[in-house]
Amino acid sequence: MEEAKGVVKHVLLAKFKEGTAQDQIDQLIKDYANLVNLIEPMKSFQWGKNVSIENLHQGFTHIFESTFESTEGVAEYVAHPAHVEYANLFLANLEKVLVIDYKPTTKVSNNQNDTTDRLQTLSSLYNCRISCKALEFIFTITSSFKAADVCVPKPTESLIFKSCSASSKPPMASS
């Protein structure tokens, strides 16, 4: 799969020190979220708490994700005085921390409401561009299909959209 051009996700996993008050954690999160207003290369921020049932979190309780347009943007963020000041305060309250920066690959989804995303994924896998109007048209004709009804062909084959009741209708082909 091909990496996205430019976009970089900055992911931080955190375990707060035992005894850190919840109101202090809430303020640290609020201050982290405010960095998006202070540091231009930081394009978005979201966070959440661990809800996994697999018990593989290794003690990490919170996840923070920021989006940047490039690795240079991440470097500018890391060196920015507002980040440096915040990071010193934030890290002092953590028992464990793990940071990973990555360039997202093509999104693959099995969500019925994600038909457009699946078609864009197929488009990118085949190194071609599909216009928004074409995607809207394809979405319209395939919106009643289940996720499993969209077949991913080999690069030399055309896209096949099986009908929901394959026994009553022949499949439609599109390229």
N, C-alpha and C. Protein backbone atom coordinates (compact mmCIF):
# COMPACT_ATOMS: atom_id res chain seq x y z
N MET A 1 0.84 -1.18 0.00
CA MET A 1 0.00 0.00 0.00
C MET A 1 0.88 1.24 0.00
N GLU A 2 0.42 2.24 -0.67
CA GLU A 2 1.19 3.47 -0.82
C GLU A 2 0.93 4.43 0.34
N GLU A 3 2.00 5.07 0.83
CA GLU A 3 1.86 6.06 1.89
C GLU A 3 1.20 7.32 1.36
N ALA A 4 0.44 7.98 2.23
CA ALA A 4 -0.15 9.26 1.86
C ALA A 4 0.95 10.28 1.62
N LYS A 5 0.72 11.16 0.67
CA LYS A 5 1.69 12.21 0.38
C LYS A 5 1.57 13.29 1.45
N GLY A 6 2.63 13.50 2.21
CA GLY A 6 2.67 14.61 3.14
C GLY A 6 2.08 14.38 4.51
N VAL A 7 0.81 14.01 4.60
CA VAL A 7 0.12 13.94 5.89
C VAL A 7 0.85 13.02 6.86
N VAL A 8 1.01 13.52 8.09
CA VAL A 8 1.67 12.74 9.15
C VAL A 8 0.78 12.75 10.38
N LYS A 9 0.58 11.58 10.97
CA LYS A 9 -0.15 11.44 12.22
C LYS A 9 0.87 11.30 13.34
N HIS A 10 0.66 12.06 14.41
CA HIS A 10 1.52 12.04 15.59
C HIS A 10 0.68 11.43 16.71
N VAL A 11 1.05 10.23 17.14
CA VAL A 11 0.27 9.50 18.13
C VAL A 11 1.07 9.38 19.41
N LEU A 12 0.43 9.72 20.52
CA LEU A 12 1.07 9.63 21.83
C LEU A 12 0.19 8.78 22.73
N LEU A 13 0.76 7.71 23.29
CA LEU A 13 0.08 6.88 24.27
C LEU A 13 0.60 7.28 25.64
N ALA A 14 -0.31 7.41 26.61
CA ALA A 14 0.09 7.90 27.92
C ALA A 14 -0.52 7.08 29.04
N LYS A 15 0.26 6.94 30.12
CA LYS A 15 -0.25 6.42 31.38
C LYS A 15 0.13 7.48 32.42
N PHE A 16 -0.90 8.07 33.01
CA PHE A 16 -0.65 9.10 34.01
C PHE A 16 -0.15 8.45 35.30
N LYS A 17 0.67 9.20 36.04
CA LYS A 17 1.18 8.71 37.32
C LYS A 17 0.03 8.46 38.28
N GLU A 18 0.17 7.40 39.07
CA GLU A 18 -0.82 7.11 40.08
C GLU A 18 -0.91 8.30 41.02
N GLY A 19 -2.10 8.67 41.39
CA GLY A 19 -2.30 9.81 42.28
C GLY A 19 -2.53 11.12 41.56
N THR A 20 -2.39 11.13 40.21
CA THR A 20 -2.68 12.35 39.47
C THR A 20 -4.19 12.58 39.51
N ALA A 21 -4.59 13.74 40.03
CA ALA A 21 -6.02 14.05 40.18
C ALA A 21 -6.70 14.15 38.82
N GLN A 22 -7.95 13.70 38.76
CA GLN A 22 -8.71 13.73 37.51
C GLN A 22 -8.84 15.16 36.97
N ASP A 23 -9.04 16.13 37.83
CA ASP A 23 -9.15 17.51 37.35
C ASP A 23 -7.83 17.99 36.75
N GLN A 24 -6.71 17.50 37.25
CA GLN A 24 -5.41 17.85 36.68
C GLN A 24 -5.25 17.19 35.30
N ILE A 25 -5.67 15.93 35.18
CA ILE A 25 -5.64 15.24 33.89
C ILE A 25 -6.52 15.98 32.89
N ASP A 26 -7.72 16.37 33.33
CA ASP A 26 -8.64 17.10 32.44
C ASP A 26 -8.01 18.40 31.96
N GLN A 27 -7.33 19.12 32.84
CA GLN A 27 -6.68 20.38 32.45
C GLN A 27 -5.53 20.14 31.49
N LEU A 28 -4.75 19.08 31.73
CA LEU A 28 -3.65 18.75 30.82
C LEU A 28 -4.18 18.43 29.42
N ILE A 29 -5.28 17.71 29.36
CA ILE A 29 -5.89 17.37 28.06
C ILE A 29 -6.41 18.63 27.38
N LYS A 30 -7.06 19.51 28.14
CA LYS A 30 -7.56 20.77 27.59
C LYS A 30 -6.41 21.60 27.03
N ASP A 31 -5.30 21.66 27.77
CA ASP A 31 -4.13 22.42 27.33
C ASP A 31 -3.50 21.78 26.09
N TYR A 32 -3.49 20.44 26.02
CA TYR A 32 -2.96 19.74 24.85
C TYR A 32 -3.81 20.11 23.63
N ALA A 33 -5.13 20.04 23.79
CA ALA A 33 -6.03 20.37 22.69
C ALA A 33 -5.85 21.81 22.23
N ASN A 34 -5.51 22.70 23.13
CA ASN A 34 -5.34 24.11 22.77
C ASN A 34 -4.10 24.35 21.91
N LEU A 35 -3.16 23.42 21.91
CA LEU A 35 -1.96 23.60 21.08
C LEU A 35 -2.32 23.75 19.60
N VAL A 36 -3.42 23.16 19.17
CA VAL A 36 -3.83 23.28 17.76
C VAL A 36 -4.13 24.74 17.41
N ASN A 37 -4.48 25.56 18.40
CA ASN A 37 -4.74 26.98 18.18
C ASN A 37 -3.46 27.82 18.25
N LEU A 38 -2.40 27.26 18.79
CA LEU A 38 -1.17 28.00 19.01
C LEU A 38 -0.05 27.66 18.03
N ILE A 39 -0.11 26.47 17.45
CA ILE A 39 0.99 25.99 16.61
C ILE A 39 0.44 25.70 15.21
N GLU A 40 0.78 26.53 14.25
CA GLU A 40 0.20 26.48 12.90
C GLU A 40 0.32 25.12 12.21
N PRO A 41 1.46 24.43 12.27
CA PRO A 41 1.54 23.15 11.55
C PRO A 41 0.63 22.05 12.11
N MET A 42 0.15 22.21 13.34
CA MET A 42 -0.75 21.23 13.95
C MET A 42 -2.15 21.47 13.39
N LYS A 43 -2.63 20.58 12.53
CA LYS A 43 -3.89 20.79 11.81
C LYS A 43 -5.10 20.27 12.57
N SER A 44 -4.96 19.21 13.35
CA SER A 44 -6.10 18.69 14.11
C SER A 44 -5.59 17.90 15.31
N PHE A 45 -6.49 17.69 16.25
CA PHE A 45 -6.17 16.97 17.49
C PHE A 45 -7.40 16.21 17.93
N GLN A 46 -7.18 14.99 18.39
CA GLN A 46 -8.25 14.22 19.04
C GLN A 46 -7.62 13.31 20.07
N TRP A 47 -8.44 12.89 21.01
CA TRP A 47 -7.91 12.04 22.07
C TRP A 47 -9.01 11.10 22.54
N GLY A 48 -8.61 10.09 23.28
CA GLY A 48 -9.57 9.15 23.86
C GLY A 48 -8.92 8.34 24.95
N LYS A 49 -9.77 7.60 25.66
CA LYS A 49 -9.30 6.72 26.73
C LYS A 49 -9.38 5.27 26.24
N ASN A 50 -8.52 4.43 26.76
CA ASN A 50 -8.50 3.02 26.40
C ASN A 50 -9.84 2.36 26.74
N VAL A 51 -10.42 1.67 25.77
CA VAL A 51 -11.66 0.92 25.98
C VAL A 51 -11.51 -0.52 25.49
N SER A 52 -10.28 -0.94 25.21
CA SER A 52 -10.04 -2.27 24.64
C SER A 52 -10.39 -3.37 25.63
N ILE A 53 -10.95 -4.45 25.11
CA ILE A 53 -11.26 -5.62 25.94
C ILE A 53 -10.15 -6.67 25.84
N GLU A 54 -9.12 -6.40 25.02
CA GLU A 54 -8.06 -7.38 24.80
C GLU A 54 -7.00 -7.38 25.89
N ASN A 55 -6.97 -6.36 26.72
CA ASN A 55 -6.01 -6.25 27.81
C ASN A 55 -4.56 -6.31 27.31
N LEU A 56 -4.30 -5.63 26.20
CA LEU A 56 -2.95 -5.57 25.63
C LEU A 56 -2.40 -4.15 25.69
N HIS A 57 -3.00 -3.29 26.47
CA HIS A 57 -2.65 -1.86 26.49
C HIS A 57 -1.39 -1.55 27.28
N GLN A 58 -0.83 -2.52 27.97
CA GLN A 58 0.43 -2.38 28.71
C GLN A 58 0.41 -1.19 29.67
N GLY A 59 -0.76 -0.90 30.22
CA GLY A 59 -0.88 0.17 31.20
C GLY A 59 -1.20 1.53 30.63
N PHE A 60 -1.11 1.69 29.32
CA PHE A 60 -1.44 2.98 28.71
C PHE A 60 -2.95 3.20 28.83
N THR A 61 -3.33 4.40 29.25
CA THR A 61 -4.74 4.69 29.51
C THR A 61 -5.34 5.69 28.53
N HIS A 62 -4.52 6.54 27.93
CA HIS A 62 -5.00 7.59 27.05
C HIS A 62 -4.22 7.57 25.74
N ILE A 63 -4.91 8.00 24.67
CA ILE A 63 -4.27 8.16 23.37
C ILE A 63 -4.57 9.56 22.84
N PHE A 64 -3.55 10.18 22.28
CA PHE A 64 -3.66 11.52 21.72
C PHE A 64 -3.14 11.46 20.28
N GLU A 65 -3.90 12.02 19.34
CA GLU A 65 -3.49 11.98 17.95
C GLU A 65 -3.60 13.38 17.34
N SER A 66 -2.52 13.82 16.75
CA SER A 66 -2.47 15.11 16.06
C SER A 66 -2.14 14.85 14.59
N THR A 67 -2.64 15.73 13.73
CA THR A 67 -2.38 15.60 12.30
C THR A 67 -1.57 16.80 11.81
N PHE A 68 -0.58 16.50 10.98
CA PHE A 68 0.30 17.51 10.40
C PHE A 68 0.36 17.28 8.90
N GLU A 69 0.69 18.32 8.14
CA GLU A 69 0.76 18.19 6.69
C GLU A 69 2.05 17.56 6.21
N SER A 70 3.08 17.50 7.09
CA SER A 70 4.37 16.96 6.67
C SER A 70 5.22 16.63 7.88
N THR A 71 6.31 15.90 7.65
CA THR A 71 7.26 15.62 8.73
C THR A 71 7.93 16.91 9.19
N GLU A 72 8.09 17.86 8.27
CA GLU A 72 8.64 19.16 8.65
C GLU A 72 7.71 19.89 9.62
N GLY A 73 6.41 19.72 9.42
CA GLY A 73 5.42 20.31 10.33
C GLY A 73 5.53 19.72 11.73
N VAL A 74 5.78 18.41 11.81
CA VAL A 74 5.96 17.76 13.11
C VAL A 74 7.21 18.33 13.78
N ALA A 75 8.29 18.48 13.02
CA ALA A 75 9.53 19.01 13.58
C ALA A 75 9.33 20.44 14.09
N GLU A 76 8.58 21.24 13.34
CA GLU A 76 8.29 22.62 13.78
C GLU A 76 7.46 22.62 15.06
N TYR A 77 6.50 21.71 15.14
CA TYR A 77 5.66 21.55 16.34
C TYR A 77 6.50 21.17 17.55
N VAL A 78 7.37 20.17 17.38
CA VAL A 78 8.20 19.69 18.49
C VAL A 78 9.10 20.80 19.04
N ALA A 79 9.61 21.65 18.17
CA ALA A 79 10.53 22.71 18.58
C ALA A 79 9.80 23.99 19.02
N HIS A 80 8.51 24.09 18.76
CA HIS A 80 7.76 25.31 19.07
C HIS A 80 7.76 25.58 20.58
N PRO A 81 8.02 26.82 21.01
CA PRO A 81 8.07 27.13 22.45
C PRO A 81 6.81 26.74 23.22
N ALA A 82 5.63 26.88 22.62
CA ALA A 82 4.39 26.49 23.31
C ALA A 82 4.36 24.98 23.56
N HIS A 83 4.86 24.19 22.58
CA HIS A 83 4.91 22.74 22.76
C HIS A 83 5.94 22.36 23.81
N VAL A 84 7.12 22.98 23.74
CA VAL A 84 8.19 22.67 24.70
C VAL A 84 7.72 22.93 26.12
N GLU A 85 7.09 24.08 26.34
CA GLU A 85 6.59 24.42 27.67
C GLU A 85 5.53 23.42 28.13
N TYR A 86 4.59 23.11 27.24
CA TYR A 86 3.53 22.16 27.57
C TYR A 86 4.10 20.76 27.82
N ALA A 87 4.98 20.30 26.95
CA ALA A 87 5.54 18.95 27.05
C ALA A 87 6.25 18.74 28.39
N ASN A 88 6.96 19.75 28.87
CA ASN A 88 7.64 19.62 30.17
C ASN A 88 6.64 19.40 31.29
N LEU A 89 5.53 20.11 31.28
CA LEU A 89 4.49 19.95 32.30
C LEU A 89 3.78 18.60 32.14
N PHE A 90 3.43 18.27 30.90
CA PHE A 90 2.70 17.04 30.60
C PHE A 90 3.51 15.80 30.99
N LEU A 91 4.76 15.75 30.53
CA LEU A 91 5.61 14.58 30.78
C LEU A 91 5.89 14.38 32.27
N ALA A 92 5.90 15.45 33.04
CA ALA A 92 6.12 15.35 34.48
C ALA A 92 4.98 14.61 35.18
N ASN A 93 3.84 14.50 34.51
CA ASN A 93 2.67 13.83 35.09
C ASN A 93 2.46 12.41 34.55
N LEU A 94 3.40 11.95 33.72
CA LEU A 94 3.23 10.63 33.11
C LEU A 94 4.18 9.60 33.71
N GLU A 95 3.64 8.40 33.87
CA GLU A 95 4.47 7.27 34.29
C GLU A 95 5.09 6.59 33.07
N LYS A 96 4.29 6.51 32.00
CA LYS A 96 4.75 5.88 30.75
C LYS A 96 4.28 6.73 29.58
N VAL A 97 5.10 6.77 28.55
CA VAL A 97 4.72 7.48 27.33
C VAL A 97 5.33 6.76 26.12
N LEU A 98 4.60 6.76 25.03
CA LEU A 98 5.07 6.18 23.77
C LEU A 98 4.60 7.10 22.65
N VAL A 99 5.51 7.52 21.78
CA VAL A 99 5.16 8.42 20.68
C VAL A 99 5.54 7.75 19.37
N ILE A 100 4.60 7.78 18.43
CA ILE A 100 4.84 7.25 17.09
C ILE A 100 4.30 8.26 16.08
N ASP A 101 5.13 8.60 15.09
CA ASP A 101 4.69 9.42 13.97
C ASP A 101 4.62 8.49 12.76
N TYR A 102 3.55 8.62 11.98
CA TYR A 102 3.44 7.75 10.81
C TYR A 102 2.69 8.47 9.69
N LYS A 103 2.93 8.00 8.47
CA LYS A 103 2.19 8.47 7.31
C LYS A 103 1.13 7.41 7.02
N PRO A 104 -0.14 7.81 7.07
CA PRO A 104 -1.21 6.81 6.86
C PRO A 104 -1.16 6.21 5.46
N THR A 105 -1.52 4.95 5.40
CA THR A 105 -1.67 4.27 4.11
C THR A 105 -3.12 4.40 3.69
N THR A 106 -3.46 3.81 2.58
CA THR A 106 -4.82 3.86 2.07
C THR A 106 -5.78 3.25 3.09
N LYS A 107 -6.89 3.93 3.31
CA LYS A 107 -7.91 3.46 4.24
C LYS A 107 -8.71 2.33 3.60
N VAL A 108 -8.90 1.26 4.34
CA VAL A 108 -9.73 0.15 3.90
C VAL A 108 -10.82 -0.01 4.94
N SER A 109 -12.07 -0.08 4.51
CA SER A 109 -13.19 -0.12 5.44
C SER A 109 -14.18 -1.20 5.03
N ASN A 110 -14.88 -1.74 6.00
CA ASN A 110 -15.93 -2.71 5.75
C ASN A 110 -17.26 -2.16 6.29
N ASN A 111 -17.39 -0.85 6.35
CA ASN A 111 -18.58 -0.19 6.86
C ASN A 111 -19.53 0.08 5.70
N GLN A 112 -20.79 -0.33 5.82
CA GLN A 112 -21.78 -0.12 4.75
C GLN A 112 -21.89 1.35 4.38
N ASN A 113 -21.73 2.25 5.34
CA ASN A 113 -21.84 3.68 5.07
C ASN A 113 -20.56 4.26 4.49
N ASP A 114 -19.56 3.43 4.25
CA ASP A 114 -18.27 3.89 3.77
C ASP A 114 -18.02 3.51 2.32
N THR A 115 -19.08 3.40 1.53
CA THR A 115 -18.93 2.98 0.14
C THR A 115 -18.01 3.91 -0.62
N THR A 116 -18.17 5.22 -0.44
CA THR A 116 -17.33 6.18 -1.15
C THR A 116 -15.87 5.98 -0.77
N ASP A 117 -15.59 5.76 0.53
CA ASP A 117 -14.22 5.52 0.96
C ASP A 117 -13.66 4.27 0.31
N ARG A 118 -14.47 3.21 0.21
CA ARG A 118 -14.00 1.97 -0.42
C ARG A 118 -13.67 2.21 -1.89
N LEU A 119 -14.51 2.98 -2.57
CA LEU A 119 -14.26 3.26 -3.98
C LEU A 119 -13.02 4.12 -4.15
N GLN A 120 -12.81 5.09 -3.27
CA GLN A 120 -11.59 5.90 -3.34
C GLN A 120 -10.37 5.03 -3.06
N THR A 121 -10.50 4.08 -2.14
CA THR A 121 -9.40 3.16 -1.85
C THR A 121 -9.07 2.34 -3.09
N LEU A 122 -10.10 1.80 -3.74
CA LEU A 122 -9.86 1.03 -4.96
C LEU A 122 -9.21 1.90 -6.02
N SER A 123 -9.69 3.13 -6.13
CA SER A 123 -9.11 4.06 -7.10
C SER A 123 -7.63 4.27 -6.82
N SER A 124 -7.27 4.47 -5.56
CA SER A 124 -5.86 4.71 -5.24
C SER A 124 -5.03 3.45 -5.41
N LEU A 125 -5.62 2.28 -5.14
CA LEU A 125 -4.89 1.03 -5.34
C LEU A 125 -4.54 0.82 -6.80
N TYR A 126 -5.38 1.32 -7.69
CA TYR A 126 -5.15 1.16 -9.11
C TYR A 126 -4.51 2.39 -9.73
N ASN A 127 -4.02 3.31 -8.87
CA ASN A 127 -3.32 4.52 -9.32
C ASN A 127 -4.09 5.30 -10.37
N CYS A 128 -5.39 5.45 -10.16
CA CYS A 128 -6.20 6.25 -11.06
C CYS A 128 -7.02 7.22 -10.22
N ARG A 129 -7.55 8.23 -10.86
CA ARG A 129 -8.34 9.22 -10.15
C ARG A 129 -9.79 9.11 -10.64
N ILE A 130 -10.71 9.14 -9.69
CA ILE A 130 -12.13 9.13 -10.01
C ILE A 130 -12.68 10.47 -9.53
N SER A 131 -13.37 11.17 -10.40
CA SER A 131 -13.92 12.47 -10.02
C SER A 131 -15.01 12.31 -8.98
N CYS A 132 -15.30 13.39 -8.27
CA CYS A 132 -16.37 13.36 -7.26
C CYS A 132 -17.70 12.98 -7.88
N LYS A 133 -17.99 13.52 -9.08
CA LYS A 133 -19.26 13.19 -9.75
C LYS A 133 -19.32 11.70 -10.09
N ALA A 134 -18.21 11.14 -10.55
CA ALA A 134 -18.18 9.71 -10.87
C ALA A 134 -18.37 8.90 -9.60
N LEU A 135 -17.73 9.31 -8.50
CA LEU A 135 -17.90 8.61 -7.24
C LEU A 135 -19.35 8.68 -6.76
N GLU A 136 -19.97 9.86 -6.90
CA GLU A 136 -21.38 9.99 -6.52
C GLU A 136 -22.24 9.05 -7.33
N PHE A 137 -21.99 8.96 -8.64
CA PHE A 137 -22.75 8.07 -9.50
C PHE A 137 -22.54 6.61 -9.09
N ILE A 138 -21.29 6.22 -8.89
CA ILE A 138 -20.99 4.85 -8.49
C ILE A 138 -21.62 4.56 -7.14
N PHE A 139 -21.55 5.53 -6.21
CA PHE A 139 -22.17 5.35 -4.90
C PHE A 139 -23.67 5.12 -5.05
N THR A 140 -24.32 5.89 -5.93
CA THR A 140 -25.76 5.77 -6.13
C THR A 140 -26.12 4.38 -6.62
N ILE A 141 -25.38 3.86 -7.60
CA ILE A 141 -25.74 2.56 -8.15
C ILE A 141 -25.33 1.40 -7.25
N THR A 142 -24.43 1.67 -6.30
CA THR A 142 -23.98 0.58 -5.42
C THR A 142 -24.46 0.74 -3.99
N SER A 143 -25.25 1.78 -3.70
CA SER A 143 -25.60 2.06 -2.31
C SER A 143 -26.42 0.96 -1.65
N SER A 144 -27.11 0.13 -2.44
CA SER A 144 -27.89 -0.94 -1.83
C SER A 144 -27.06 -2.22 -1.65
N PHE A 145 -25.83 -2.22 -2.12
CA PHE A 145 -24.98 -3.39 -1.98
C PHE A 145 -24.40 -3.48 -0.59
N LYS A 146 -24.17 -4.67 -0.13
CA LYS A 146 -23.47 -4.89 1.14
C LYS A 146 -21.97 -4.78 0.87
N ALA A 147 -21.21 -4.53 1.95
CA ALA A 147 -19.75 -4.40 1.80
C ALA A 147 -19.15 -5.62 1.11
N ALA A 148 -19.68 -6.80 1.41
CA ALA A 148 -19.13 -8.03 0.84
C ALA A 148 -19.46 -8.17 -0.65
N ASP A 149 -20.39 -7.34 -1.16
CA ASP A 149 -20.78 -7.43 -2.56
C ASP A 149 -19.82 -6.73 -3.51
N VAL A 150 -18.89 -5.97 -2.99
CA VAL A 150 -17.92 -5.30 -3.85
C VAL A 150 -16.67 -6.17 -3.92
N CYS A 151 -16.39 -6.68 -5.11
CA CYS A 151 -15.25 -7.56 -5.30
C CYS A 151 -14.03 -6.74 -5.67
N VAL A 152 -12.91 -7.05 -5.08
CA VAL A 152 -11.67 -6.38 -5.44
C VAL A 152 -10.97 -7.25 -6.48
N PRO A 153 -10.88 -6.74 -7.72
CA PRO A 153 -10.29 -7.55 -8.78
C PRO A 153 -8.77 -7.50 -8.77
N LYS A 154 -8.18 -8.39 -9.54
CA LYS A 154 -6.76 -8.31 -9.80
C LYS A 154 -6.55 -7.09 -10.69
N PRO A 155 -5.35 -6.50 -10.71
CA PRO A 155 -5.13 -5.29 -11.49
C PRO A 155 -5.52 -5.39 -12.96
N THR A 156 -5.52 -6.60 -13.52
CA THR A 156 -5.84 -6.74 -14.95
C THR A 156 -7.33 -6.96 -15.18
N GLU A 157 -8.12 -7.12 -14.14
CA GLU A 157 -9.55 -7.34 -14.29
C GLU A 157 -10.32 -6.05 -14.08
N SER A 158 -11.57 -6.02 -14.53
CA SER A 158 -12.41 -4.85 -14.27
C SER A 158 -13.10 -5.03 -12.92
N LEU A 159 -13.60 -3.92 -12.38
CA LEU A 159 -14.32 -3.99 -11.11
C LEU A 159 -15.66 -4.67 -11.33
N ILE A 160 -16.02 -5.59 -10.47
CA ILE A 160 -17.28 -6.29 -10.57
C ILE A 160 -18.10 -5.98 -9.33
N PHE A 161 -19.33 -5.51 -9.53
CA PHE A 161 -20.23 -5.28 -8.42
C PHE A 161 -21.32 -6.34 -8.53
N LYS A 162 -21.29 -7.30 -7.61
CA LYS A 162 -22.28 -8.37 -7.63
C LYS A 162 -23.61 -7.81 -7.14
N SER A 163 -24.69 -8.28 -7.70
CA SER A 163 -25.99 -7.83 -7.20
C SER A 163 -26.25 -8.53 -5.86
N CYS A 164 -27.15 -7.96 -5.08
CA CYS A 164 -27.44 -8.51 -3.75
C CYS A 164 -28.08 -9.87 -3.85
N SER A 165 -28.82 -10.12 -4.92
CA SER A 165 -29.36 -11.47 -5.11
C SER A 165 -28.78 -12.00 -6.41
N ALA A 166 -27.60 -12.54 -6.31
CA ALA A 166 -26.85 -12.99 -7.48
C ALA A 166 -27.61 -14.02 -8.30
N SER A 167 -28.50 -14.78 -7.66
CA SER A 167 -29.21 -15.81 -8.40
C SER A 167 -30.26 -15.22 -9.33
N SER A 168 -30.79 -14.02 -9.00
CA SER A 168 -31.85 -13.46 -9.83
C SER A 168 -31.34 -12.48 -10.87
N LYS A 169 -30.17 -11.89 -10.67
CA LYS A 169 -29.64 -10.91 -11.61
C LYS A 169 -28.19 -11.22 -11.92
N PRO A 170 -27.80 -11.02 -13.17
CA PRO A 170 -26.38 -11.18 -13.49
C PRO A 170 -25.59 -10.01 -12.91
N PRO A 171 -24.31 -10.20 -12.60
CA PRO A 171 -23.50 -9.10 -12.07
C PRO A 171 -23.30 -8.00 -13.09
N MET A 172 -23.18 -6.77 -12.60
CA MET A 172 -22.89 -5.63 -13.47
C MET A 172 -21.39 -5.43 -13.48
N ALA A 173 -20.84 -5.12 -14.61
CA ALA A 173 -19.40 -4.87 -14.70
C ALA A 173 -19.16 -3.40 -14.93
N SER A 174 -18.11 -2.89 -14.34
CA SER A 174 -17.72 -1.49 -14.53
C SER A 174 -16.21 -1.44 -14.58
N SER A 175 -15.66 -0.50 -15.30
CA SER A 175 -14.20 -0.38 -15.34
C SER A 175 -13.77 1.02 -15.10
